[in-house]
Amino acid sequence: APGFVLDAAVVRHLLADPLLPGALLPARWPGGDLRHDFERYDRAYK
């Protein structure tokens, strides 16, 4: 139950990623890390 809500929250956040070129992003942009962590989390949840 709590994992379901969190899973949906991450999906919404990924949809809101502006998908900018790396040259325009702040240092240590977490987009790639969030996607990597979510793949593991989503696999475990499913």
All heavy atoms as atom14 arrays in JSON, in Angstrom:
{
  "sequence": "APGFVLDAAVVRHLLADPLLPGALLPARWPGGDLRHDFERYDRAYK",
  "atom14_mask": [
    [1, 1, 1, 1, 1, 0, 0, 0, 0, 0, 0, 0, 0, 0],
    [1, 1, 1, 1, 1, 1, 1, 0, 0, 0, 0, 0, 0, 0],
    [1, 1, 1, 1, 0, 0, 0, 0, 0, 0, 0, 0, 0, 0],
    [1, 1, 1, 1, 1, 1, 1, 1, 1, 1, 1, 0, 0, 0],
    [1, 1, 1, 1, 1, 1, 1, 0, 0, 0, 0, 0, 0, 0],
    [1, 1, 1, 1, 1, 1, 1, 1, 0, 0, 0, 0, 0, 0],
    [1, 1, 1, 1, 1, 1, 1, 1, 0, 0, 0, 0, 0, 0],
    [1, 1, 1, 1, 1, 0, 0, 0, 0, 0, 0, 0, 0, 0],
    [1, 1, 1, 1, 1, 0, 0, 0, 0, 0, 0, 0, 0, 0],
    [1, 1, 1, 1, 1, 1, 1, 0, 0, 0, 0, 0, 0, 0],
    [1, 1, 1, 1, 1, 1, 1, 0, 0, 0, 0, 0, 0, 0],
    [1, 1, 1, 1, 1, 1, 1, 1, 1, 1, 1, 0, 0, 0],
    [1, 1, 1, 1, 1, 1, 1, 1, 1, 1, 0, 0, 0, 0],
    [1, 1, 1, 1, 1, 1, 1, 1, 0, 0, 0, 0, 0, 0],
    [1, 1, 1, 1, 1, 1, 1, 1, 0, 0, 0, 0, 0, 0],
    [1, 1, 1, 1, 1, 0, 0, 0, 0, 0, 0, 0, 0, 0],
    [1, 1, 1, 1, 1, 1, 1, 1, 0, 0, 0, 0, 0, 0],
    [1, 1, 1, 1, 1, 1, 1, 0, 0, 0, 0, 0, 0, 0],
    [1, 1, 1, 1, 1, 1, 1, 1, 0, 0, 0, 0, 0, 0],
    [1, 1, 1, 1, 1, 1, 1, 1, 0, 0, 0, 0, 0, 0],
    [1, 1, 1, 1, 1, 1, 1, 0, 0, 0, 0, 0, 0, 0],
    [1, 1, 1, 1, 0, 0, 0, 0, 0, 0, 0, 0, 0, 0],
    [1, 1, 1, 1, 1, 0, 0, 0, 0, 0, 0, 0, 0, 0],
    [1, 1, 1, 1, 1, 1, 1, 1, 0, 0, 0, 0, 0, 0],
    [1, 1, 1, 1, 1, 1, 1, 1, 0, 0, 0, 0, 0, 0],
    [1, 1, 1, 1, 1, 1, 1, 0, 0, 0, 0, 0, 0, 0],
    [1, 1, 1, 1, 1, 0, 0, 0, 0, 0, 0, 0, 0, 0],
    [1, 1, 1, 1, 1, 1, 1, 1, 1, 1, 1, 0, 0, 0],
    [1, 1, 1, 1, 1, 1, 1, 1, 1, 1, 1, 1, 1, 1],
    [1, 1, 1, 1, 1, 1, 1, 0, 0, 0, 0, 0, 0, 0],
    [1, 1, 1, 1, 0, 0, 0, 0, 0, 0, 0, 0, 0, 0],
    [1, 1, 1, 1, 0, 0, 0, 0, 0, 0, 0, 0, 0, 0],
    [1, 1, 1, 1, 1, 1, 1, 1, 0, 0, 0, 0, 0, 0],
    [1, 1, 1, 1, 1, 1, 1, 1, 0, 0, 0, 0, 0, 0],
    [1, 1, 1, 1, 1, 1, 1, 1, 1, 1, 1, 0, 0, 0],
    [1, 1, 1, 1, 1, 1, 1, 1, 1, 1, 0, 0, 0, 0],
    [1, 1, 1, 1, 1, 1, 1, 1, 0, 0, 0, 0, 0, 0],
    [1, 1, 1, 1, 1, 1, 1, 1, 1, 1, 1, 0, 0, 0],
    [1, 1, 1, 1, 1, 1, 1, 1, 1, 0, 0, 0, 0, 0],
    [1, 1, 1, 1, 1, 1, 1, 1, 1, 1, 1, 0, 0, 0],
    [1, 1, 1, 1, 1, 1, 1, 1, 1, 1, 1, 1, 0, 0],
    [1, 1, 1, 1, 1, 1, 1, 1, 0, 0, 0, 0, 0, 0],
    [1, 1, 1, 1, 1, 1, 1, 1, 1, 1, 1, 0, 0, 0],
    [1, 1, 1, 1, 1, 0, 0, 0, 0, 0, 0, 0, 0, 0],
    [1, 1, 1, 1, 1, 1, 1, 1, 1, 1, 1, 1, 0, 0],
    [1, 1, 1, 1, 1, 1, 1, 1, 1, 0, 0, 0, 0, 0]
  ],
  "atom14_positions": [
    [[0.82, -1.22, 0.0], [0.0, 0.0, 0.0], [0.85, 1.27, 0.0], [0.7, 2.12, -0.87], [-0.98, -0.02, 1.16], [0.0, 0.0, 0.0], [0.0, 0.0, 0.0], [0.0, 0.0, 0.0], [0.0, 0.0, 0.0], [0.0, 0.0, 0.0], [0.0, 0.0, 0.0], [0.0, 0.0, 0.0], [0.0, 0.0, 0.0], [0.0, 0.0, 0.0]],
    [[1.79, 1.44, 0.95], [2.62, 2.65, 0.9], [3.53, 2.68, -0.33], [3.82, 3.73, -0.89], [3.43, 2.59, 2.2], [3.41, 1.16, 2.6], [2.1, 0.63, 2.15], [0.0, 0.0, 0.0], [0.0, 0.0, 0.0], [0.0, 0.0, 0.0], [0.0, 0.0, 0.0], [0.0, 0.0, 0.0], [0.0, 0.0, 0.0], [0.0, 0.0, 0.0]],
    [[3.97, 1.49, -0.76], [4.83, 1.43, -1.94], [4.12, 1.84, -3.2], [4.73, 2.41, -4.11], [0.0, 0.0, 0.0], [0.0, 0.0, 0.0], [0.0, 0.0, 0.0], [0.0, 0.0, 0.0], [0.0, 0.0, 0.0], [0.0, 0.0, 0.0], [0.0, 0.0, 0.0], [0.0, 0.0, 0.0], [0.0, 0.0, 0.0], [0.0, 0.0, 0.0]],
    [[2.83, 1.55, -3.29], [2.01, 1.93, -4.44], [1.98, 3.44, -4.6], [2.17, 3.99, -5.69], [0.6, 1.38, -4.22], [-0.39, 1.67, -5.31], [-0.57, 0.77, -6.35], [-1.17, 2.82, -5.3], [-1.5, 1.01, -7.36], [-2.09, 3.07, -6.29], [-2.26, 2.16, -7.32], [0.0, 0.0, 0.0], [0.0, 0.0, 0.0], [0.0, 0.0, 0.0]],
    [[1.75, 4.14, -3.48], [1.68, 5.6, -3.51], [3.02, 6.19, -3.91], [3.1, 7.13, -4.71], [1.22, 6.14, -2.14], [1.2, 7.66, -2.14], [-0.17, 5.6, -1.79], [0.0, 0.0, 0.0], [0.0, 0.0, 0.0], [0.0, 0.0, 0.0], [0.0, 0.0, 0.0], [0.0, 0.0, 0.0], [0.0, 0.0, 0.0], [0.0, 0.0, 0.0]],
    [[4.09, 5.64, -3.36], [5.43, 6.14, -3.68], [5.77, 5.87, -5.14], [6.34, 6.74, -5.83], [6.46, 5.49, -2.76], [7.93, 5.84, -3.01], [8.15, 7.35, -2.95], [8.82, 5.12, -2.01], [0.0, 0.0, 0.0], [0.0, 0.0, 0.0], [0.0, 0.0, 0.0], [0.0, 0.0, 0.0], [0.0, 0.0, 0.0], [0.0, 0.0, 0.0]],
    [[5.46, 4.69, -5.64], [5.72, 4.35, -7.03], [5.08, 5.37, -7.96], [5.7, 5.88, -8.89], [5.18, 2.95, -7.32], [5.7, 2.37, -8.62], [5.17, 2.73, -9.68], [6.62, 1.55, -8.57], [0.0, 0.0, 0.0], [0.0, 0.0, 0.0], [0.0, 0.0, 0.0], [0.0, 0.0, 0.0], [0.0, 0.0, 0.0], [0.0, 0.0, 0.0]],
    [[3.8, 5.68, -7.69], [3.08, 6.65, -8.52], [3.7, 8.04, -8.42], [3.77, 8.78, -9.4], [1.61, 6.69, -8.12], [0.0, 0.0, 0.0], [0.0, 0.0, 0.0], [0.0, 0.0, 0.0], [0.0, 0.0, 0.0], [0.0, 0.0, 0.0], [0.0, 0.0, 0.0], [0.0, 0.0, 0.0], [0.0, 0.0, 0.0], [0.0, 0.0, 0.0]],
    [[4.19, 8.41, -7.22], [4.8, 9.73, -7.04], [6.08, 9.85, -7.86], [6.35, 10.91, -8.45], [5.08, 9.97, -5.56], [0.0, 0.0, 0.0], [0.0, 0.0, 0.0], [0.0, 0.0, 0.0], [0.0, 0.0, 0.0], [0.0, 0.0, 0.0], [0.0, 0.0, 0.0], [0.0, 0.0, 0.0], [0.0, 0.0, 0.0], [0.0, 0.0, 0.0]],
    [[6.88, 8.79, -7.9], [8.11, 8.84, -8.69], [7.79, 8.95, -10.18], [8.43, 9.73, -10.92], [8.99, 7.6, -8.43], [10.23, 7.62, -9.32], [9.41, 7.55, -6.96], [0.0, 0.0, 0.0], [0.0, 0.0, 0.0], [0.0, 0.0, 0.0], [0.0, 0.0, 0.0], [0.0, 0.0, 0.0], [0.0, 0.0, 0.0], [0.0, 0.0, 0.0]],
    [[6.8, 8.19, -10.63], [6.41, 8.27, -12.05], [5.99, 9.69, -12.41], [6.39, 10.23, -13.45], [5.27, 7.27, -12.35], [4.66, 7.54, -13.71], [5.8, 5.84, -12.29], [0.0, 0.0, 0.0], [0.0, 0.0, 0.0], [0.0, 0.0, 0.0], [0.0, 0.0, 0.0], [0.0, 0.0, 0.0], [0.0, 0.0, 0.0], [0.0, 0.0, 0.0]],
    [[5.17, 10.32, -11.56], [4.75, 11.71, -11.84], [5.96, 12.64, -11.88], [6.02, 13.56, -12.7], [3.75, 12.19, -10.79], [2.36, 11.59, -10.92], [1.34, 12.37, -10.1], [1.66, 12.4, -8.68], [1.3, 11.46, -7.81], [0.62, 10.4, -8.22], [1.61, 11.56, -6.53], [0.0, 0.0, 0.0], [0.0, 0.0, 0.0], [0.0, 0.0, 0.0]],
    [[6.92, 12.41, -11.0], [8.09, 13.29, -10.97], [8.94, 13.11, -12.22], [9.46, 14.09, -12.77], [8.91, 13.01, -9.71], [9.83, 14.13, -9.36], [9.39, 15.4, -9.05], [11.2, 14.18, -9.28], [10.43, 16.18, -8.79], [11.53, 15.47, -8.94], [0.0, 0.0, 0.0], [0.0, 0.0, 0.0], [0.0, 0.0, 0.0], [0.0, 0.0, 0.0]],
    [[9.08, 11.89, -12.68], [9.83, 11.66, -13.91], [9.16, 12.31, -15.11], [9.82, 12.84, -16.0], [10.0, 10.16, -14.15], [10.95, 9.43, -13.2], [10.93, 7.94, -13.47], [12.37, 9.98, -13.29], [0.0, 0.0, 0.0], [0.0, 0.0, 0.0], [0.0, 0.0, 0.0], [0.0, 0.0, 0.0], [0.0, 0.0, 0.0], [0.0, 0.0, 0.0]],
    [[7.82, 12.29, -15.13], [7.1, 12.95, -16.21], [7.32, 14.46, -16.19], [7.21, 15.12, -17.23], [5.6, 12.65, -16.12], [5.16, 11.25, -16.55], [3.71, 11.0, -16.16], [5.34, 11.07, -18.05], [0.0, 0.0, 0.0], [0.0, 0.0, 0.0], [0.0, 0.0, 0.0], [0.0, 0.0, 0.0], [0.0, 0.0, 0.0], [0.0, 0.0, 0.0]],
    [[7.64, 15.02, -15.03], [7.86, 16.46, -14.91], [9.31, 16.87, -15.16], [9.63, 18.06, -15.15], [7.44, 16.94, -13.51], [0.0, 0.0, 0.0], [0.0, 0.0, 0.0], [0.0, 0.0, 0.0], [0.0, 0.0, 0.0], [0.0, 0.0, 0.0], [0.0, 0.0, 0.0], [0.0, 0.0, 0.0], [0.0, 0.0, 0.0], [0.0, 0.0, 0.0]],
    [[10.19, 15.9, -15.41], [11.58, 16.22, -15.73], [11.61, 17.03, -17.03], [11.07, 16.59, -18.04], [12.35, 14.9, -15.91], [13.85, 15.11, -16.13], [14.27, 16.24, -16.44], [14.59, 14.12, -16.02], [0.0, 0.0, 0.0], [0.0, 0.0, 0.0], [0.0, 0.0, 0.0], [0.0, 0.0, 0.0], [0.0, 0.0, 0.0], [0.0, 0.0, 0.0]],
    [[12.25, 18.21, -17.03], [12.28, 19.02, -18.26], [13.14, 18.42, -19.38], [13.09, 18.89, -20.51], [12.84, 20.36, -17.8], [13.6, 20.06, -16.56], [12.85, 18.93, -15.89], [0.0, 0.0, 0.0], [0.0, 0.0, 0.0], [0.0, 0.0, 0.0], [0.0, 0.0, 0.0], [0.0, 0.0, 0.0], [0.0, 0.0, 0.0], [0.0, 0.0, 0.0]],
    [[13.92, 17.39, -19.06], [14.73, 16.68, -20.08], [15.64, 17.64, -20.85], [15.69, 17.65, -22.08], [13.82, 15.93, -21.06], [12.86, 14.91, -20.43], [11.98, 14.27, -21.5], [13.62, 13.85, -19.66], [0.0, 0.0, 0.0], [0.0, 0.0, 0.0], [0.0, 0.0, 0.0], [0.0, 0.0, 0.0], [0.0, 0.0, 0.0], [0.0, 0.0, 0.0]],
    [[16.37, 18.42, -20.1], [17.29, 19.39, -20.7], [18.62, 18.73, -21.06], [19.0, 17.7, -20.5], [17.55, 20.53, -19.72], [16.35, 21.36, -19.3], [16.78, 22.44, -18.3], [15.66, 21.98, -20.49], [0.0, 0.0, 0.0], [0.0, 0.0, 0.0], [0.0, 0.0, 0.0], [0.0, 0.0, 0.0], [0.0, 0.0, 0.0], [0.0, 0.0, 0.0]],
    [[19.37, 19.33, -21.98], [20.72, 18.85, -22.27], [21.59, 18.96, -21.02], [21.41, 19.86, -20.18], [21.22, 19.8, -23.36], [20.0, 20.45, -23.91], [19.01, 20.49, -22.81], [0.0, 0.0, 0.0], [0.0, 0.0, 0.0], [0.0, 0.0, 0.0], [0.0, 0.0, 0.0], [0.0, 0.0, 0.0], [0.0, 0.0, 0.0], [0.0, 0.0, 0.0]],
    [[22.56, 18.06, -20.9], [23.41, 18.07, -19.73], [24.13, 19.4, -19.52], [24.37, 19.8, -18.38], [0.0, 0.0, 0.0], [0.0, 0.0, 0.0], [0.0, 0.0, 0.0], [0.0, 0.0, 0.0], [0.0, 0.0, 0.0], [0.0, 0.0, 0.0], [0.0, 0.0, 0.0], [0.0, 0.0, 0.0], [0.0, 0.0, 0.0], [0.0, 0.0, 0.0]],
    [[24.44, 20.1, -20.6], [25.17, 21.36, -20.49], [24.36, 22.44, -19.78], [24.94, 23.42, -19.29], [25.56, 21.85, -21.89], [0.0, 0.0, 0.0], [0.0, 0.0, 0.0], [0.0, 0.0, 0.0], [0.0, 0.0, 0.0], [0.0, 0.0, 0.0], [0.0, 0.0, 0.0], [0.0, 0.0, 0.0], [0.0, 0.0, 0.0], [0.0, 0.0, 0.0]],
    [[23.04, 22.28, -19.7], [22.18, 23.29, -19.08], [21.73, 22.91, -17.68], [21.01, 23.67, -17.03], [20.94, 23.54, -19.95], [21.22, 24.02, -21.38], [19.9, 24.3, -22.09], [22.1, 25.26, -21.39], [0.0, 0.0, 0.0], [0.0, 0.0, 0.0], [0.0, 0.0, 0.0], [0.0, 0.0, 0.0], [0.0, 0.0, 0.0], [0.0, 0.0, 0.0]],
    [[22.14, 21.75, -17.21], [21.69, 21.27, -15.9], [22.66, 21.67, -14.8], [23.86, 21.81, -15.03], [21.56, 19.74, -15.93], [20.45, 19.19, -16.83], [20.56, 17.67, -16.92], [19.07, 19.6, -16.33], [0.0, 0.0, 0.0], [0.0, 0.0, 0.0], [0.0, 0.0, 0.0], [0.0, 0.0, 0.0], [0.0, 0.0, 0.0], [0.0, 0.0, 0.0]],
    [[22.14, 21.82, -13.57], [23.04, 22.09, -12.44], [23.99, 20.91, -12.21], [23.73, 19.78, -12.66], [22.07, 22.25, -11.26], [20.73, 22.5, -11.86], [20.73, 21.8, -13.18], [0.0, 0.0, 0.0], [0.0, 0.0, 0.0], [0.0, 0.0, 0.0], [0.0, 0.0, 0.0], [0.0, 0.0, 0.0], [0.0, 0.0, 0.0], [0.0, 0.0, 0.0]],
    [[25.05, 21.18, -11.5], [25.98, 20.1, -11.14], [25.26, 19.07, -10.28], [24.34, 19.39, -9.53], [27.18, 20.68, -10.38], [0.0, 0.0, 0.0], [0.0, 0.0, 0.0], [0.0, 0.0, 0.0], [0.0, 0.0, 0.0], [0.0, 0.0, 0.0], [0.0, 0.0, 0.0], [0.0, 0.0, 0.0], [0.0, 0.0, 0.0], [0.0, 0.0, 0.0]],
    [[25.66, 17.8, -10.42], [25.1, 16.7, -9.65], [23.59, 16.56, -9.86], [22.83, 16.3, -8.93], [25.41, 16.84, -8.15], [26.92, 16.91, -7.85], [27.2, 17.01, -6.38], [26.69, 15.86, -5.65], [27.31, 14.69, -5.55], [28.49, 14.52, -6.13], [26.78, 13.7, -4.86], [0.0, 0.0, 0.0], [0.0, 0.0, 0.0], [0.0, 0.0, 0.0]],
    [[23.14, 16.73, -11.08], [21.72, 16.56, -11.41], [21.31, 15.11, -11.13], [21.94, 14.18, -11.62], [21.51, 16.91, -12.88], [20.09, 16.75, -13.35], [19.61, 15.79, -14.19], [18.99, 17.61, -13.04], [18.27, 15.99, -14.42], [17.86, 17.1, -13.73], [18.85, 18.75, -12.26], [16.61, 17.7, -13.64], [17.6, 19.34, -12.17], [16.5, 18.82, -12.86]],
    [[20.22, 14.88, -10.38], [19.9, 13.53, -9.95], [18.97, 12.75, -10.87], [18.46, 11.7, -10.48], [19.2, 13.78, -8.6], [18.5, 15.09, -8.8], [19.41, 15.91, -9.69], [0.0, 0.0, 0.0], [0.0, 0.0, 0.0], [0.0, 0.0, 0.0], [0.0, 0.0, 0.0], [0.0, 0.0, 0.0], [0.0, 0.0, 0.0], [0.0, 0.0, 0.0]],
    [[18.73, 13.25, -12.08], [17.79, 12.57, -12.97], [18.18, 11.13, -13.25], [17.35, 10.21, -13.15], [0.0, 0.0, 0.0], [0.0, 0.0, 0.0], [0.0, 0.0, 0.0], [0.0, 0.0, 0.0], [0.0, 0.0, 0.0], [0.0, 0.0, 0.0], [0.0, 0.0, 0.0], [0.0, 0.0, 0.0], [0.0, 0.0, 0.0], [0.0, 0.0, 0.0]],
    [[19.44, 10.9, -13.6], [19.88, 9.54, -13.9], [19.85, 8.65, -12.67], [19.45, 7.47, -12.75], [0.0, 0.0, 0.0], [0.0, 0.0, 0.0], [0.0, 0.0, 0.0], [0.0, 0.0, 0.0], [0.0, 0.0, 0.0], [0.0, 0.0, 0.0], [0.0, 0.0, 0.0], [0.0, 0.0, 0.0], [0.0, 0.0, 0.0], [0.0, 0.0, 0.0]],
    [[20.23, 9.19, -11.51], [20.21, 8.4, -10.28], [18.78, 8.04, -9.88], [18.53, 6.93, -9.41], [20.89, 9.17, -9.14], [22.39, 9.3, -9.33], [22.97, 8.45, -10.03], [22.98, 10.25, -8.78], [0.0, 0.0, 0.0], [0.0, 0.0, 0.0], [0.0, 0.0, 0.0], [0.0, 0.0, 0.0], [0.0, 0.0, 0.0], [0.0, 0.0, 0.0]],
    [[17.86, 8.98, -10.06], [16.47, 8.68, -9.73], [15.93, 7.56, -10.61], [15.26, 6.65, -10.14], [15.61, 9.94, -9.9], [14.11, 9.77, -9.6], [13.88, 9.38, -8.15], [13.34, 11.04, -9.95], [0.0, 0.0, 0.0], [0.0, 0.0, 0.0], [0.0, 0.0, 0.0], [0.0, 0.0, 0.0], [0.0, 0.0, 0.0], [0.0, 0.0, 0.0]],
    [[16.24, 7.62, -11.89], [15.77, 6.56, -12.8], [16.41, 5.21, -12.45], [15.75, 4.18, -12.48], [16.07, 6.95, -14.25], [15.17, 8.07, -14.76], [15.52, 8.5, -16.17], [14.5, 9.41, -16.67], [14.49, 10.73, -16.45], [15.48, 11.28, -15.74], [13.52, 11.48, -16.92], [0.0, 0.0, 0.0], [0.0, 0.0, 0.0], [0.0, 0.0, 0.0]],
    [[17.69, 5.22, -12.12], [18.37, 3.99, -11.75], [17.75, 3.39, -10.5], [17.46, 2.18, -10.43], [19.86, 4.27, -11.54], [20.64, 3.08, -11.09], [20.8, 2.75, -9.75], [21.31, 2.12, -11.78], [21.51, 1.65, -9.64], [21.85, 1.25, -10.86], [0.0, 0.0, 0.0], [0.0, 0.0, 0.0], [0.0, 0.0, 0.0], [0.0, 0.0, 0.0]],
    [[17.55, 4.21, -9.47], [16.96, 3.72, -8.22], [15.53, 3.23, -8.44], [15.11, 2.23, -7.84], [16.96, 4.83, -7.17], [18.35, 5.19, -6.69], [19.32, 4.5, -7.09], [18.48, 6.16, -5.92], [0.0, 0.0, 0.0], [0.0, 0.0, 0.0], [0.0, 0.0, 0.0], [0.0, 0.0, 0.0], [0.0, 0.0, 0.0], [0.0, 0.0, 0.0]],
    [[14.81, 3.92, -9.31], [13.42, 3.55, -9.53], [13.32, 2.2, -10.25], [12.38, 1.43, -9.99], [12.69, 4.63, -10.33], [11.23, 4.33, -10.53], [10.39, 4.18, -9.44], [10.7, 4.21, -11.8], [9.03, 3.9, -9.61], [9.35, 3.94, -11.99], [8.52, 3.79, -10.89], [0.0, 0.0, 0.0], [0.0, 0.0, 0.0], [0.0, 0.0, 0.0]],
    [[14.24, 1.9, -11.14], [14.21, 0.6, -11.81], [14.29, -0.53, -10.79], [13.55, -1.51, -10.86], [15.35, 0.49, -12.83], [15.19, 1.36, -14.06], [13.93, 1.04, -14.85], [13.6, -0.16, -15.0], [13.27, 1.99, -15.31], [0.0, 0.0, 0.0], [0.0, 0.0, 0.0], [0.0, 0.0, 0.0], [0.0, 0.0, 0.0], [0.0, 0.0, 0.0]],
    [[15.19, -0.39, -9.83], [15.32, -1.42, -8.79], [14.08, -1.45, -7.9], [13.55, -2.53, -7.6], [16.57, -1.15, -7.95], [16.78, -2.16, -6.83], [18.04, -1.85, -6.03], [18.17, -2.76, -4.88], [19.12, -2.66, -3.97], [20.06, -1.72, -4.08], [19.16, -3.52, -2.96], [0.0, 0.0, 0.0], [0.0, 0.0, 0.0], [0.0, 0.0, 0.0]],
    [[13.63, -0.28, -7.49], [12.46, -0.21, -6.61], [11.21, -0.77, -7.3], [10.47, -1.58, -6.73], [12.22, 1.25, -6.21], [10.96, 1.45, -5.39], [10.98, 1.3, -4.01], [9.76, 1.78, -6.01], [9.83, 1.47, -3.26], [8.6, 1.94, -5.27], [8.65, 1.79, -3.89], [7.49, 1.95, -3.16], [0.0, 0.0, 0.0], [0.0, 0.0, 0.0]],
    [[10.99, -0.35, -8.53], [9.79, -0.78, -9.25], [9.82, -2.28, -9.51], [8.78, -2.96, -9.43], [9.69, 0.0, -10.57], [8.36, -0.2, -11.27], [7.31, 0.05, -10.65], [8.35, -0.59, -12.44], [0.0, 0.0, 0.0], [0.0, 0.0, 0.0], [0.0, 0.0, 0.0], [0.0, 0.0, 0.0], [0.0, 0.0, 0.0], [0.0, 0.0, 0.0]],
    [[10.99, -2.82, -9.79], [11.11, -4.26, -10.01], [10.77, -5.02, -8.73], [10.02, -6.01, -8.76], [12.53, -4.59, -10.47], [12.75, -6.06, -10.79], [14.07, -6.27, -11.54], [15.2, -5.71, -10.82], [15.88, -4.63, -11.21], [15.53, -3.97, -12.3], [16.91, -4.2, -10.51], [0.0, 0.0, 0.0], [0.0, 0.0, 0.0], [0.0, 0.0, 0.0]],
    [[11.29, -4.55, -7.58], [10.99, -5.21, -6.31], [9.51, -5.09, -5.97], [8.88, -6.06, -5.51], [11.84, -4.59, -5.19], [0.0, 0.0, 0.0], [0.0, 0.0, 0.0], [0.0, 0.0, 0.0], [0.0, 0.0, 0.0], [0.0, 0.0, 0.0], [0.0, 0.0, 0.0], [0.0, 0.0, 0.0], [0.0, 0.0, 0.0], [0.0, 0.0, 0.0]],
    [[8.94, -3.9, -6.21], [7.53, -3.71, -5.9], [6.66, -4.65, -6.75], [5.75, -5.3, -6.23], [7.13, -2.26, -6.15], [5.68, -2.01, -5.79], [5.3, -1.74, -4.49], [4.68, -2.09, -6.76], [3.98, -1.56, -4.14], [3.35, -1.91, -6.42], [3.01, -1.64, -5.11], [1.69, -1.48, -4.77], [0.0, 0.0, 0.0], [0.0, 0.0, 0.0]],
    [[6.96, -4.74, -8.03], [6.12, -5.56, -8.91], [6.31, -7.05, -8.63], [5.37, -7.83, -8.82], [6.42, -5.22, -10.36], [5.81, -3.89, -10.76], [6.12, -3.47, -12.18], [5.43, -2.15, -12.5], [5.85, -1.6, -13.8], [0.0, 0.0, 0.0], [0.0, 0.0, 0.0], [0.0, 0.0, 0.0], [0.0, 0.0, 0.0], [0.0, 0.0, 0.0]]
  ]
}
